Amino acid sequence: MLLIVFALASTFAFAFYGCQTLLSDRPKEEFDRYGIPGLRRFVGSMQLLGAVGVLIGLSYSTIGALAAGGLTVMMVLGLIVRVKIGDSPRLMIPAASLAVMNALLVLLFIAA
Protein backbone atom coordinates (compact mmCIF):
# COMPACT_ATOMS: atom_id res chain seq x y z
CA MET A 1 0.00 0.00 0.00
CA LEU A 2 2.85 2.40 0.88
CA LEU A 3 4.44 1.64 -2.50
CA ILE A 4 1.25 2.69 -4.31
CA VAL A 5 0.80 5.87 -2.27
CA PHE A 6 4.42 6.97 -2.72
CA ALA A 7 4.46 6.01 -6.41
CA LEU A 8 1.30 8.00 -7.15
CA ALA A 9 2.54 10.98 -5.12
CA SER A 10 5.87 10.95 -6.97
CA THR A 11 4.17 10.51 -10.34
CA PHE A 12 1.81 13.44 -9.79
CA ALA A 13 4.50 15.68 -8.30
CA PHE A 14 7.00 15.13 -11.09
CA ALA A 15 4.36 15.29 -13.84
CA PHE A 16 3.31 18.66 -12.41
CA TYR A 17 6.88 19.95 -11.96
CA GLY A 18 7.93 18.62 -15.36
CA CYS A 19 5.09 20.45 -17.11
CA GLN A 20 5.81 23.60 -15.11
CA THR A 21 9.51 23.41 -15.90
CA LEU A 22 8.85 23.08 -19.62
CA LEU A 23 5.90 25.42 -20.03
CA SER A 24 5.91 28.12 -17.36
CA ASP A 25 7.89 31.36 -17.18
CA ARG A 26 8.77 31.07 -13.48
CA PRO A 27 11.08 28.05 -13.92
CA LYS A 28 12.89 29.92 -16.69
CA GLU A 29 13.73 32.62 -14.14
CA GLU A 30 14.69 30.01 -11.54
CA PHE A 31 17.07 28.17 -13.88
CA ASP A 32 18.66 31.53 -14.72
CA ARG A 33 19.07 32.16 -10.98
CA TYR A 34 20.60 28.70 -10.55
CA GLY A 35 23.10 29.52 -13.29
CA ILE A 36 22.01 26.60 -15.48
CA PRO A 37 19.46 28.00 -17.96
CA GLY A 38 20.48 25.52 -20.66
CA LEU A 39 19.42 22.55 -18.53
CA ARG A 40 15.78 23.58 -18.02
CA ARG A 41 14.33 21.57 -20.92
CA PHE A 42 16.45 18.54 -20.08
CA VAL A 43 15.39 18.63 -16.42
CA GLY A 44 11.72 19.11 -17.30
CA SER A 45 11.86 16.21 -19.76
CA MET A 46 13.57 13.95 -17.21
CA GLN A 47 10.96 14.88 -14.61
CA LEU A 48 8.20 13.79 -16.97
CA LEU A 49 10.06 10.64 -17.99
CA GLY A 50 10.71 9.82 -14.33
CA ALA A 51 7.04 10.29 -13.50
CA VAL A 52 6.04 7.86 -16.24
CA GLY A 53 8.74 5.40 -15.15
CA VAL A 54 7.55 5.41 -11.54
CA LEU A 55 3.98 4.81 -12.68
CA ILE A 56 5.10 1.94 -14.94
CA GLY A 57 6.97 0.62 -11.91
CA LEU A 58 3.68 -0.37 -10.34
CA SER A 59 3.63 -3.15 -12.96
CA TYR A 60 7.37 -3.55 -13.62
CA SER A 61 9.27 -2.93 -10.41
CA THR A 62 12.71 -2.76 -12.06
CA ILE A 63 11.62 0.20 -14.18
CA GLY A 64 10.09 1.84 -11.12
CA ALA A 65 13.29 1.40 -9.11
CA LEU A 66 15.41 2.88 -11.90
CA ALA A 67 13.05 5.83 -12.41
CA ALA A 68 12.79 6.55 -8.68
CA GLY A 69 16.57 6.29 -8.42
CA GLY A 70 17.00 8.79 -11.22
CA LEU A 71 14.55 11.19 -9.60
CA THR A 72 16.38 10.82 -6.28
CA VAL A 73 19.68 11.74 -7.93
CA MET A 74 18.01 14.70 -9.67
CA MET A 75 16.66 16.03 -6.39
CA VAL A 76 20.00 15.59 -4.61
CA LEU A 77 21.71 17.51 -7.43
CA GLY A 78 19.02 20.18 -7.13
CA LEU A 79 19.74 20.47 -3.42
CA ILE A 80 23.45 20.86 -4.14
CA VAL A 81 22.69 23.70 -6.57
CA ARG A 82 20.48 25.40 -3.99
CA VAL A 83 23.19 25.12 -1.31
CA LYS A 84 25.79 26.56 -3.73
CA ILE A 85 23.65 29.60 -4.53
CA GLY A 86 22.82 30.17 -0.86
CA ASP A 87 19.09 29.45 -0.82
CA SER A 88 17.44 29.22 2.57
CA PRO A 89 16.72 25.75 3.99
CA ARG A 90 12.98 26.51 3.70
CA LEU A 91 13.31 26.59 -0.09
CA MET A 92 14.99 23.18 -0.04
CA ILE A 93 12.14 21.34 1.69
CA PRO A 94 10.30 20.23 -1.50
CA ALA A 95 13.43 18.83 -3.16
CA ALA A 96 14.59 17.17 0.06
CA SER A 97 11.17 15.61 0.62
CA LEU A 98 10.99 14.31 -2.94
CA ALA A 99 14.53 12.95 -2.68
CA VAL A 100 13.68 11.00 0.49
CA MET A 101 10.37 9.75 -0.88
CA ASN A 102 11.96 8.53 -4.12
CA ALA A 103 14.86 6.90 -2.27
CA LEU A 104 12.28 5.01 -0.22
CA LEU A 105 10.47 4.15 -3.44
CA VAL A 106 13.65 2.54 -4.79
CA LEU A 107 13.72 0.26 -1.74
CA LEU A 108 10.01 -0.48 -1.99
CA PHE A 109 10.28 -1.34 -5.68
CA ILE A 110 13.24 -3.61 -5.00
CA ALA A 111 11.33 -5.39 -2.24
CA ALA A 112 8.23 -5.81 -4.42
C-alpha atoms as a PDB file:
ATOM      1  CA  MET A   1       0.000   0.000   0.000  1.00  0.00           C
ATOM      2  CA  LEU A   2       2.851   2.398   0.876  1.00  0.00           C
ATOM      3  CA  LEU A   3       4.436   1.643  -2.498  1.00  0.00           C
ATOM      4  CA  ILE A   4       1.254   2.686  -4.312  1.00  0.00           C
ATOM      5  CA  VAL A   5       0.796   5.873  -2.268  1.00  0.00           C
ATOM      6  CA  PHE A   6       4.423   6.974  -2.723  1.00  0.00           C
ATOM      7  CA  ALA A   7       4.458   6.009  -6.409  1.00  0.00           C
ATOM      8  CA  LEU A   8       1.304   7.997  -7.146  1.00  0.00           C
ATOM      9  CA  ALA A   9       2.539  10.983  -5.117  1.00  0.00           C
ATOM     10  CA  SER A  10       5.871  10.952  -6.968  1.00  0.00           C
ATOM     11  CA  THR A  11       4.166  10.513 -10.342  1.00  0.00           C
ATOM     12  CA  PHE A  12       1.812  13.436  -9.795  1.00  0.00           C
ATOM     13  CA  ALA A  13       4.504  15.677  -8.297  1.00  0.00           C
ATOM     14  CA  PHE A  14       6.999  15.126 -11.094  1.00  0.00           C
ATOM     15  CA  ALA A  15       4.357  15.287 -13.838  1.00  0.00           C
ATOM     16  CA  PHE A  16       3.314  18.664 -12.405  1.00  0.00           C
ATOM     17  CA  TYR A  17       6.876  19.947 -11.963  1.00  0.00           C
ATOM     18  CA  GLY A  18       7.926  18.623 -15.360  1.00  0.00           C
ATOM     19  CA  CYS A  19       5.091  20.449 -17.111  1.00  0.00           C
ATOM     20  CA  GLN A  20       5.807  23.599 -15.111  1.00  0.00           C
ATOM     21  CA  THR A  21       9.513  23.412 -15.896  1.00  0.00           C
ATOM     22  CA  LEU A  22       8.852  23.077 -19.617  1.00  0.00           C
ATOM     23  CA  LEU A  23       5.902  25.425 -20.031  1.00  0.00           C
ATOM     24  CA  SER A  24       5.909  28.116 -17.355  1.00  0.00           C
ATOM     25  CA  ASP A  25       7.892  31.360 -17.181  1.00  0.00           C
ATOM     26  CA  ARG A  26       8.772  31.073 -13.482  1.00  0.00           C
ATOM     27  CA  PRO A  27      11.076  28.046 -13.916  1.00  0.00           C
ATOM     28  CA  LYS A  28      12.889  29.919 -16.691  1.00  0.00           C
ATOM     29  CA  GLU A  29      13.735  32.617 -14.143  1.00  0.00           C
ATOM     30  CA  GLU A  30      14.689  30.006 -11.542  1.00  0.00           C
ATOM     31  CA  PHE A  31      17.070  28.169 -13.878  1.00  0.00           C
ATOM     32  CA  ASP A  32      18.664  31.529 -14.721  1.00  0.00           C
ATOM     33  CA  ARG A  33      19.068  32.163 -10.982  1.00  0.00           C
ATOM     34  CA  TYR A  34      20.598  28.698 -10.545  1.00  0.00           C
ATOM     35  CA  GLY A  35      23.102  29.519 -13.291  1.00  0.00           C
ATOM     36  CA  ILE A  36      22.012  26.595 -15.484  1.00  0.00           C
ATOM     37  CA  PRO A  37      19.464  28.001 -17.963  1.00  0.00           C
ATOM     38  CA  GLY A  38      20.482  25.525 -20.657  1.00  0.00           C
ATOM     39  CA  LEU A  39      19.417  22.547 -18.534  1.00  0.00           C
ATOM     40  CA  ARG A  40      15.775  23.580 -18.019  1.00  0.00           C
ATOM     41  CA  ARG A  41      14.331  21.572 -20.924  1.00  0.00           C
ATOM     42  CA  PHE A  42      16.452  18.540 -20.077  1.00  0.00           C
ATOM     43  CA  VAL A  43      15.390  18.632 -16.417  1.00  0.00           C
ATOM     44  CA  GLY A  44      11.716  19.105 -17.304  1.00  0.00           C
ATOM     45  CA  SER A  45      11.863  16.213 -19.761  1.00  0.00           C
ATOM     46  CA  MET A  46      13.575  13.952 -17.206  1.00  0.00           C
ATOM     47  CA  GLN A  47      10.960  14.876 -14.607  1.00  0.00           C
ATOM     48  CA  LEU A  48       8.196  13.787 -16.973  1.00  0.00           C
ATOM     49  CA  LEU A  49      10.058  10.637 -17.989  1.00  0.00           C
ATOM     50  CA  GLY A  50      10.714   9.818 -14.329  1.00  0.00           C
ATOM     51  CA  ALA A  51       7.038  10.289 -13.499  1.00  0.00           C
ATOM     52  CA  VAL A  52       6.042   7.856 -16.243  1.00  0.00           C
ATOM     53  CA  GLY A  53       8.740   5.395 -15.147  1.00  0.00           C
ATOM     54  CA  VAL A  54       7.555   5.408 -11.535  1.00  0.00           C
ATOM     55  CA  LEU A  55       3.985   4.807 -12.684  1.00  0.00           C
ATOM     56  CA  ILE A  56       5.096   1.938 -14.936  1.00  0.00           C
ATOM     57  CA  GLY A  57       6.971   0.624 -11.909  1.00  0.00           C
ATOM     58  CA  LEU A  58       3.684  -0.372 -10.344  1.00  0.00           C
ATOM     59  CA  SER A  59       3.628  -3.155 -12.960  1.00  0.00           C
ATOM     60  CA  TYR A  60       7.372  -3.550 -13.621  1.00  0.00           C
ATOM     61  CA  SER A  61       9.275  -2.925 -10.408  1.00  0.00           C
ATOM     62  CA  THR A  62      12.711  -2.760 -12.060  1.00  0.00           C
ATOM     63  CA  ILE A  63      11.621   0.197 -14.183  1.00  0.00           C
ATOM     64  CA  GLY A  64      10.092   1.843 -11.120  1.00  0.00           C
ATOM     65  CA  ALA A  65      13.289   1.404  -9.106  1.00  0.00           C
ATOM     66  CA  LEU A  66      15.406   2.883 -11.902  1.00  0.00           C
ATOM     67  CA  ALA A  67      13.049   5.827 -12.406  1.00  0.00           C
ATOM     68  CA  ALA A  68      12.789   6.552  -8.682  1.00  0.00           C
ATOM     69  CA  GLY A  69      16.570   6.294  -8.417  1.00  0.00           C
ATOM     70  CA  GLY A  70      17.004   8.794 -11.221  1.00  0.00           C
ATOM     71  CA  LEU A  71      14.550  11.188  -9.603  1.00  0.00           C
ATOM     72  CA  THR A  72      16.375  10.820  -6.282  1.00  0.00           C
ATOM     73  CA  VAL A  73      19.678  11.741  -7.929  1.00  0.00           C
ATOM     74  CA  MET A  74      18.014  14.695  -9.670  1.00  0.00           C
ATOM     75  CA  MET A  75      16.660  16.031  -6.390  1.00  0.00           C
ATOM     76  CA  VAL A  76      20.002  15.594  -4.609  1.00  0.00           C
ATOM     77  CA  LEU A  77      21.708  17.506  -7.426  1.00  0.00           C
ATOM     78  CA  GLY A  78      19.015  20.180  -7.131  1.00  0.00           C
ATOM     79  CA  LEU A  79      19.742  20.470  -3.417  1.00  0.00           C
ATOM     80  CA  ILE A  80      23.450  20.860  -4.141  1.00  0.00           C
ATOM     81  CA  VAL A  81      22.689  23.701  -6.573  1.00  0.00           C
ATOM     82  CA  ARG A  82      20.480  25.399  -3.986  1.00  0.00           C
ATOM     83  CA  VAL A  83      23.195  25.125  -1.313  1.00  0.00           C
ATOM     84  CA  LYS A  84      25.786  26.556  -3.730  1.00  0.00           C
ATOM     85  CA  ILE A  85      23.651  29.603  -4.531  1.00  0.00           C
ATOM     86  CA  GLY A  86      22.819  30.171  -0.863  1.00  0.00           C
ATOM     87  CA  ASP A  87      19.089  29.446  -0.821  1.00  0.00           C
ATOM     88  CA  SER A  88      17.439  29.219   2.574  1.00  0.00           C
ATOM     89  CA  PRO A  89      16.718  25.750   3.987  1.00  0.00           C
ATOM     90  CA  ARG A  90      12.979  26.515   3.701  1.00  0.00           C
ATOM     91  CA  LEU A  91      13.309  26.591  -0.089  1.00  0.00           C
ATOM     92  CA  MET A  92      14.993  23.181  -0.040  1.00  0.00           C
ATOM     93  CA  ILE A  93      12.135  21.337   1.686  1.00  0.00           C
ATOM     94  CA  PRO A  94      10.297  20.234  -1.496  1.00  0.00           C
ATOM     95  CA  ALA A  95      13.433  18.833  -3.163  1.00  0.00           C
ATOM     96  CA  ALA A  96      14.591  17.171   0.062  1.00  0.00           C
ATOM     97  CA  SER A  97      11.171  15.610   0.625  1.00  0.00           C
ATOM     98  CA  LEU A  98      10.987  14.310  -2.938  1.00  0.00           C
ATOM     99  CA  ALA A  99      14.533  12.948  -2.681  1.00  0.00           C
ATOM    100  CA  VAL A 100      13.684  11.005   0.485  1.00  0.00           C
ATOM    101  CA  MET A 101      10.371   9.750  -0.880  1.00  0.00           C
ATOM    102  CA  ASN A 102      11.959   8.526  -4.120  1.00  0.00           C
ATOM    103  CA  ALA A 103      14.859   6.900  -2.269  1.00  0.00           C
ATOM    104  CA  LEU A 104      12.278   5.009  -0.217  1.00  0.00           C
ATOM    105  CA  LEU A 105      10.471   4.148  -3.440  1.00  0.00           C
ATOM    106  CA  VAL A 106      13.652   2.541  -4.792  1.00  0.00           C
ATOM    107  CA  LEU A 107      13.716   0.260  -1.740  1.00  0.00           C
ATOM    108  CA  LEU A 108      10.005  -0.478  -1.986  1.00  0.00           C
ATOM    109  CA  PHE A 109      10.276  -1.342  -5.683  1.00  0.00           C
ATOM    110  CA  ILE A 110      13.244  -3.613  -5.003  1.00  0.00           C
ATOM    111  CA  ALA A 111      11.325  -5.386  -2.236  1.00  0.00           C
ATOM    112  CA  ALA A 112       8.227  -5.810  -4.425  1.00  0.00           C
END
